[in-house]
Structures are given as structure tokens and as C-alpha cells.
Amino acid sequence: MILIRVDLREAAEDAAAYDQLKRLLNEAGFSQTIKGEDGTRFKLPRGDFRFTGDEGVTLEAVRSLARAAVDATRSDAGLLVMQVSDWRASRLKIKMT
């Protein structure tokens, strides 16, 4: 699983900027939910996204997709892309249908 973290520095408190980011990343194949082993879907924190496309894609290809979406927000932003093989969570919000 590939996760990304986006830090919109200029828009730290700007909900509209994060809404735009979420829309652009959704269109590029990212989601803000993650599914646990028991099938429960959790909401990822603001700025965190899961790549929903081809699992065989490279981190560089995912970084490029995410970077294009982030750049379209015209915000100063940092981006981290990571390959995750296992995860545990605590106190994430449950995504209701």
C-alpha cells in the first residue's frame, strides 16, 4: 500500500485549500480512507491519502501523480510518499458508508 502525506504550509488553517487538494487527489486516484483487516473503513487525518491505483506502480510514479495535484493548488507544500507493508491505528474516525 502506498500512502502520501501532504503539508500545505501556506494553508495550514485554510479548509478550502484542503478541500481543493482532496478533490484533486481523488481525481488522481487517491482516497482519504483506509480499510482494516476486519473490513472497517477509517478516515485518514487531513493531509494523508492512500493511493488506490495499480499496486505495481512505483513510488516515483505515485509521487509524480500526487505532485501534479498538489502543484495545481498553487500552495507551498511538502510531500512524502511511502510504501507501507503493515499498519496499526488508534482513535481514527470510522468512515460511515
N, C-alpha and C. Protein backbone atom coordinates (compact mmCIF):
# COMPACT_ATOMS: atom_id res chain seq x y z
N MET A 1 0.85 -1.17 0.00
CA MET A 1 0.00 0.00 0.00
C MET A 1 0.90 1.23 0.00
N ILE A 2 0.49 2.23 -0.77
CA ILE A 2 1.24 3.47 -0.84
C ILE A 2 0.41 4.57 -0.18
N LEU A 3 1.04 5.27 0.76
CA LEU A 3 0.43 6.40 1.43
C LEU A 3 1.23 7.65 1.12
N ILE A 4 0.52 8.77 1.09
CA ILE A 4 1.21 10.04 0.94
C ILE A 4 0.77 10.97 2.06
N ARG A 5 1.63 11.90 2.37
CA ARG A 5 1.33 12.95 3.35
C ARG A 5 1.64 14.28 2.68
N VAL A 6 0.66 15.18 2.70
CA VAL A 6 0.82 16.49 2.10
C VAL A 6 0.71 17.54 3.19
N ASP A 7 1.68 18.43 3.23
CA ASP A 7 1.67 19.54 4.18
C ASP A 7 1.51 20.83 3.38
N LEU A 8 0.28 21.38 3.39
CA LEU A 8 0.04 22.67 2.74
C LEU A 8 0.47 23.75 3.72
N ARG A 9 1.67 24.24 3.57
CA ARG A 9 2.25 25.16 4.54
C ARG A 9 1.52 26.50 4.61
N GLU A 10 1.24 27.09 3.48
CA GLU A 10 0.58 28.40 3.46
C GLU A 10 -0.87 28.31 3.89
N ALA A 11 -1.45 27.14 3.78
CA ALA A 11 -2.89 26.98 4.01
C ALA A 11 -3.18 26.15 5.25
N ALA A 12 -2.32 26.26 6.24
CA ALA A 12 -2.46 25.41 7.42
C ALA A 12 -3.85 25.46 8.05
N GLU A 13 -4.48 26.59 8.00
CA GLU A 13 -5.82 26.72 8.60
C GLU A 13 -6.89 26.95 7.54
N ASP A 14 -6.56 26.80 6.28
CA ASP A 14 -7.49 27.10 5.19
C ASP A 14 -8.20 25.82 4.74
N ALA A 15 -9.42 25.62 5.21
CA ALA A 15 -10.19 24.43 4.87
C ALA A 15 -10.45 24.34 3.37
N ALA A 16 -10.65 25.48 2.71
CA ALA A 16 -10.91 25.47 1.27
C ALA A 16 -9.73 24.91 0.50
N ALA A 17 -8.51 25.22 0.93
CA ALA A 17 -7.32 24.69 0.25
C ALA A 17 -7.24 23.18 0.39
N TYR A 18 -7.56 22.66 1.58
CA TYR A 18 -7.55 21.21 1.77
C TYR A 18 -8.70 20.54 1.02
N ASP A 19 -9.83 21.22 0.90
CA ASP A 19 -10.94 20.67 0.11
C ASP A 19 -10.53 20.56 -1.36
N GLN A 20 -9.86 21.59 -1.87
CA GLN A 20 -9.37 21.55 -3.25
C GLN A 20 -8.34 20.44 -3.41
N LEU A 21 -7.42 20.33 -2.46
CA LEU A 21 -6.41 19.27 -2.51
C LEU A 21 -7.07 17.90 -2.53
N LYS A 22 -8.05 17.69 -1.66
CA LYS A 22 -8.74 16.39 -1.60
C LYS A 22 -9.41 16.07 -2.94
N ARG A 23 -10.10 17.06 -3.53
CA ARG A 23 -10.77 16.84 -4.81
C ARG A 23 -9.75 16.48 -5.90
N LEU A 24 -8.66 17.21 -5.97
CA LEU A 24 -7.64 16.94 -6.99
C LEU A 24 -6.99 15.58 -6.80
N LEU A 25 -6.70 15.22 -5.56
CA LEU A 25 -6.08 13.92 -5.31
C LEU A 25 -7.06 12.78 -5.54
N ASN A 26 -8.34 12.97 -5.22
CA ASN A 26 -9.35 11.95 -5.53
C ASN A 26 -9.39 11.70 -7.03
N GLU A 27 -9.35 12.77 -7.81
CA GLU A 27 -9.36 12.64 -9.28
C GLU A 27 -8.11 11.93 -9.80
N ALA A 28 -7.01 12.04 -9.06
CA ALA A 28 -5.74 11.43 -9.47
C ALA A 28 -5.59 10.00 -8.96
N GLY A 29 -6.59 9.48 -8.22
CA GLY A 29 -6.53 8.09 -7.76
C GLY A 29 -6.14 7.91 -6.31
N PHE A 30 -6.44 8.89 -5.46
CA PHE A 30 -6.12 8.80 -4.04
C PHE A 30 -7.41 8.85 -3.23
N SER A 31 -7.35 8.30 -2.03
CA SER A 31 -8.51 8.28 -1.13
C SER A 31 -8.06 8.66 0.27
N GLN A 32 -8.96 9.20 1.07
CA GLN A 32 -8.63 9.51 2.45
C GLN A 32 -9.19 8.46 3.40
N THR A 33 -9.42 7.26 2.90
CA THR A 33 -9.85 6.18 3.76
C THR A 33 -8.88 5.01 3.65
N ILE A 34 -8.89 4.20 4.68
CA ILE A 34 -8.06 3.01 4.72
C ILE A 34 -8.90 1.90 5.37
N LYS A 35 -8.76 0.68 4.89
CA LYS A 35 -9.58 -0.42 5.39
C LYS A 35 -8.75 -1.35 6.27
N GLY A 36 -9.29 -1.62 7.46
CA GLY A 36 -8.63 -2.53 8.38
C GLY A 36 -8.85 -3.98 7.99
N GLU A 37 -8.15 -4.88 8.67
CA GLU A 37 -8.26 -6.31 8.38
C GLU A 37 -9.68 -6.83 8.57
N ASP A 38 -10.44 -6.20 9.47
CA ASP A 38 -11.81 -6.64 9.73
C ASP A 38 -12.82 -5.97 8.79
N GLY A 39 -12.34 -5.18 7.83
CA GLY A 39 -13.21 -4.53 6.87
C GLY A 39 -13.68 -3.15 7.27
N THR A 40 -13.37 -2.73 8.49
CA THR A 40 -13.74 -1.38 8.94
C THR A 40 -12.96 -0.35 8.15
N ARG A 41 -13.67 0.67 7.65
CA ARG A 41 -13.02 1.75 6.91
C ARG A 41 -12.80 2.93 7.85
N PHE A 42 -11.58 3.45 7.83
CA PHE A 42 -11.20 4.57 8.68
C PHE A 42 -10.86 5.79 7.83
N LYS A 43 -11.16 6.97 8.37
CA LYS A 43 -10.77 8.22 7.73
C LYS A 43 -9.33 8.52 8.11
N LEU A 44 -8.52 8.83 7.12
CA LEU A 44 -7.15 9.25 7.40
C LEU A 44 -7.16 10.72 7.83
N PRO A 45 -6.16 11.12 8.62
CA PRO A 45 -6.08 12.51 9.03
C PRO A 45 -5.91 13.45 7.83
N ARG A 46 -6.28 14.72 8.00
CA ARG A 46 -6.16 15.71 6.94
C ARG A 46 -4.71 15.74 6.44
N GLY A 47 -4.57 15.69 5.14
CA GLY A 47 -3.24 15.71 4.54
C GLY A 47 -2.69 14.33 4.23
N ASP A 48 -3.35 13.26 4.71
CA ASP A 48 -2.90 11.89 4.46
C ASP A 48 -3.85 11.23 3.45
N PHE A 49 -3.26 10.51 2.50
CA PHE A 49 -4.04 9.86 1.44
C PHE A 49 -3.44 8.51 1.09
N ARG A 50 -4.30 7.60 0.63
CA ARG A 50 -3.88 6.27 0.18
C ARG A 50 -4.03 6.23 -1.34
N PHE A 51 -3.02 5.70 -2.04
CA PHE A 51 -3.11 5.53 -3.49
C PHE A 51 -4.00 4.32 -3.77
N THR A 52 -5.01 4.50 -4.63
CA THR A 52 -5.96 3.42 -4.90
C THR A 52 -5.75 2.75 -6.24
N GLY A 53 -4.72 3.16 -6.95
CA GLY A 53 -4.47 2.61 -8.28
C GLY A 53 -3.70 1.31 -8.25
N ASP A 54 -3.07 0.99 -9.37
CA ASP A 54 -2.31 -0.23 -9.57
C ASP A 54 -1.26 -0.43 -8.48
N GLU A 55 -1.33 -1.56 -7.80
CA GLU A 55 -0.39 -1.84 -6.71
C GLU A 55 1.05 -2.03 -7.20
N GLY A 56 1.24 -2.27 -8.50
CA GLY A 56 2.58 -2.47 -9.03
C GLY A 56 3.28 -1.19 -9.43
N VAL A 57 2.63 -0.06 -9.23
CA VAL A 57 3.20 1.22 -9.65
C VAL A 57 4.37 1.58 -8.73
N THR A 58 5.30 2.36 -9.27
CA THR A 58 6.47 2.76 -8.48
C THR A 58 6.15 3.95 -7.58
N LEU A 59 6.94 4.09 -6.54
CA LEU A 59 6.79 5.26 -5.67
C LEU A 59 7.00 6.55 -6.46
N GLU A 60 7.93 6.53 -7.39
CA GLU A 60 8.20 7.73 -8.19
C GLU A 60 6.99 8.10 -9.03
N ALA A 61 6.31 7.12 -9.60
CA ALA A 61 5.11 7.40 -10.41
C ALA A 61 4.00 7.98 -9.53
N VAL A 62 3.83 7.43 -8.35
CA VAL A 62 2.81 7.95 -7.43
C VAL A 62 3.19 9.35 -6.97
N ARG A 63 4.47 9.57 -6.69
CA ARG A 63 4.92 10.90 -6.31
C ARG A 63 4.61 11.92 -7.39
N SER A 64 4.84 11.54 -8.64
CA SER A 64 4.56 12.44 -9.76
C SER A 64 3.07 12.77 -9.86
N LEU A 65 2.21 11.76 -9.69
CA LEU A 65 0.76 12.00 -9.70
C LEU A 65 0.34 12.94 -8.58
N ALA A 66 0.84 12.66 -7.40
CA ALA A 66 0.49 13.49 -6.24
C ALA A 66 1.05 14.89 -6.40
N ARG A 67 2.28 15.01 -6.89
CA ARG A 67 2.91 16.32 -7.05
C ARG A 67 2.11 17.19 -8.02
N ALA A 68 1.62 16.59 -9.09
CA ALA A 68 0.81 17.35 -10.06
C ALA A 68 -0.45 17.89 -9.41
N ALA A 69 -1.10 17.07 -8.58
CA ALA A 69 -2.32 17.52 -7.90
C ALA A 69 -1.99 18.61 -6.88
N VAL A 70 -0.92 18.41 -6.13
CA VAL A 70 -0.52 19.39 -5.13
C VAL A 70 -0.14 20.71 -5.81
N ASP A 71 0.61 20.62 -6.90
CA ASP A 71 1.01 21.84 -7.62
C ASP A 71 -0.19 22.61 -8.14
N ALA A 72 -1.26 21.91 -8.49
CA ALA A 72 -2.47 22.56 -9.01
C ALA A 72 -3.15 23.41 -7.95
N THR A 73 -2.86 23.17 -6.67
CA THR A 73 -3.43 24.01 -5.61
C THR A 73 -2.71 25.35 -5.51
N ARG A 74 -1.54 25.43 -6.13
CA ARG A 74 -0.71 26.65 -6.10
C ARG A 74 -0.32 27.04 -4.68
N SER A 75 -0.16 26.05 -3.84
CA SER A 75 0.25 26.27 -2.45
C SER A 75 1.68 25.80 -2.25
N ASP A 76 2.36 26.41 -1.30
CA ASP A 76 3.65 25.91 -0.87
C ASP A 76 3.38 24.63 -0.09
N ALA A 77 3.91 23.53 -0.55
CA ALA A 77 3.55 22.25 0.08
C ALA A 77 4.72 21.29 0.09
N GLY A 78 4.77 20.50 1.14
CA GLY A 78 5.70 19.39 1.23
C GLY A 78 4.95 18.10 0.94
N LEU A 79 5.64 17.10 0.40
CA LEU A 79 5.02 15.84 0.02
C LEU A 79 5.91 14.69 0.42
N LEU A 80 5.34 13.71 1.11
CA LEU A 80 6.05 12.49 1.48
C LEU A 80 5.27 11.32 0.90
N VAL A 81 5.97 10.42 0.20
CA VAL A 81 5.35 9.23 -0.38
C VAL A 81 6.03 8.02 0.26
N MET A 82 5.23 7.07 0.74
CA MET A 82 5.81 5.92 1.42
C MET A 82 5.10 4.62 1.09
N GLN A 83 5.86 3.55 1.04
CA GLN A 83 5.33 2.20 0.85
C GLN A 83 5.12 1.60 2.24
N VAL A 84 3.90 1.13 2.52
CA VAL A 84 3.56 0.60 3.84
C VAL A 84 3.18 -0.86 3.70
N SER A 85 3.84 -1.72 4.45
CA SER A 85 3.52 -3.15 4.37
C SER A 85 2.62 -3.60 5.53
N ASP A 86 2.61 -2.85 6.61
CA ASP A 86 1.80 -3.21 7.77
C ASP A 86 1.48 -1.93 8.51
N TRP A 87 0.35 -1.90 9.18
CA TRP A 87 -0.01 -0.69 9.93
C TRP A 87 -0.94 -1.03 11.08
N ARG A 88 -0.95 -0.16 12.05
CA ARG A 88 -1.86 -0.22 13.19
C ARG A 88 -2.35 1.21 13.41
N ALA A 89 -3.55 1.35 13.88
CA ALA A 89 -4.11 2.68 14.12
C ALA A 89 -4.78 2.73 15.48
N SER A 90 -4.94 3.92 15.96
CA SER A 90 -5.63 4.14 17.22
C SER A 90 -6.41 5.44 17.11
N ARG A 91 -7.68 5.38 17.45
CA ARG A 91 -8.56 6.53 17.55
C ARG A 91 -8.79 7.27 16.23
N LEU A 92 -8.65 6.57 15.11
CA LEU A 92 -9.06 7.17 13.84
C LEU A 92 -10.58 7.13 13.78
N LYS A 93 -11.16 8.08 13.07
CA LYS A 93 -12.61 8.11 12.90
C LYS A 93 -13.03 7.01 11.94
N ILE A 94 -14.14 6.37 12.23
CA ILE A 94 -14.67 5.33 11.36
C ILE A 94 -15.46 6.00 10.26
N LYS A 95 -15.24 5.56 9.03
CA LYS A 95 -15.94 6.08 7.86
C LYS A 95 -17.27 5.36 7.76
N MET A 96 -18.34 6.11 7.87
CA MET A 96 -19.68 5.54 7.72
C MET A 96 -20.05 5.57 6.24
N THR A 97 -20.41 4.43 5.70
CA THR A 97 -20.76 4.26 4.28
C THR A 97 -20.60 5.44 3.45
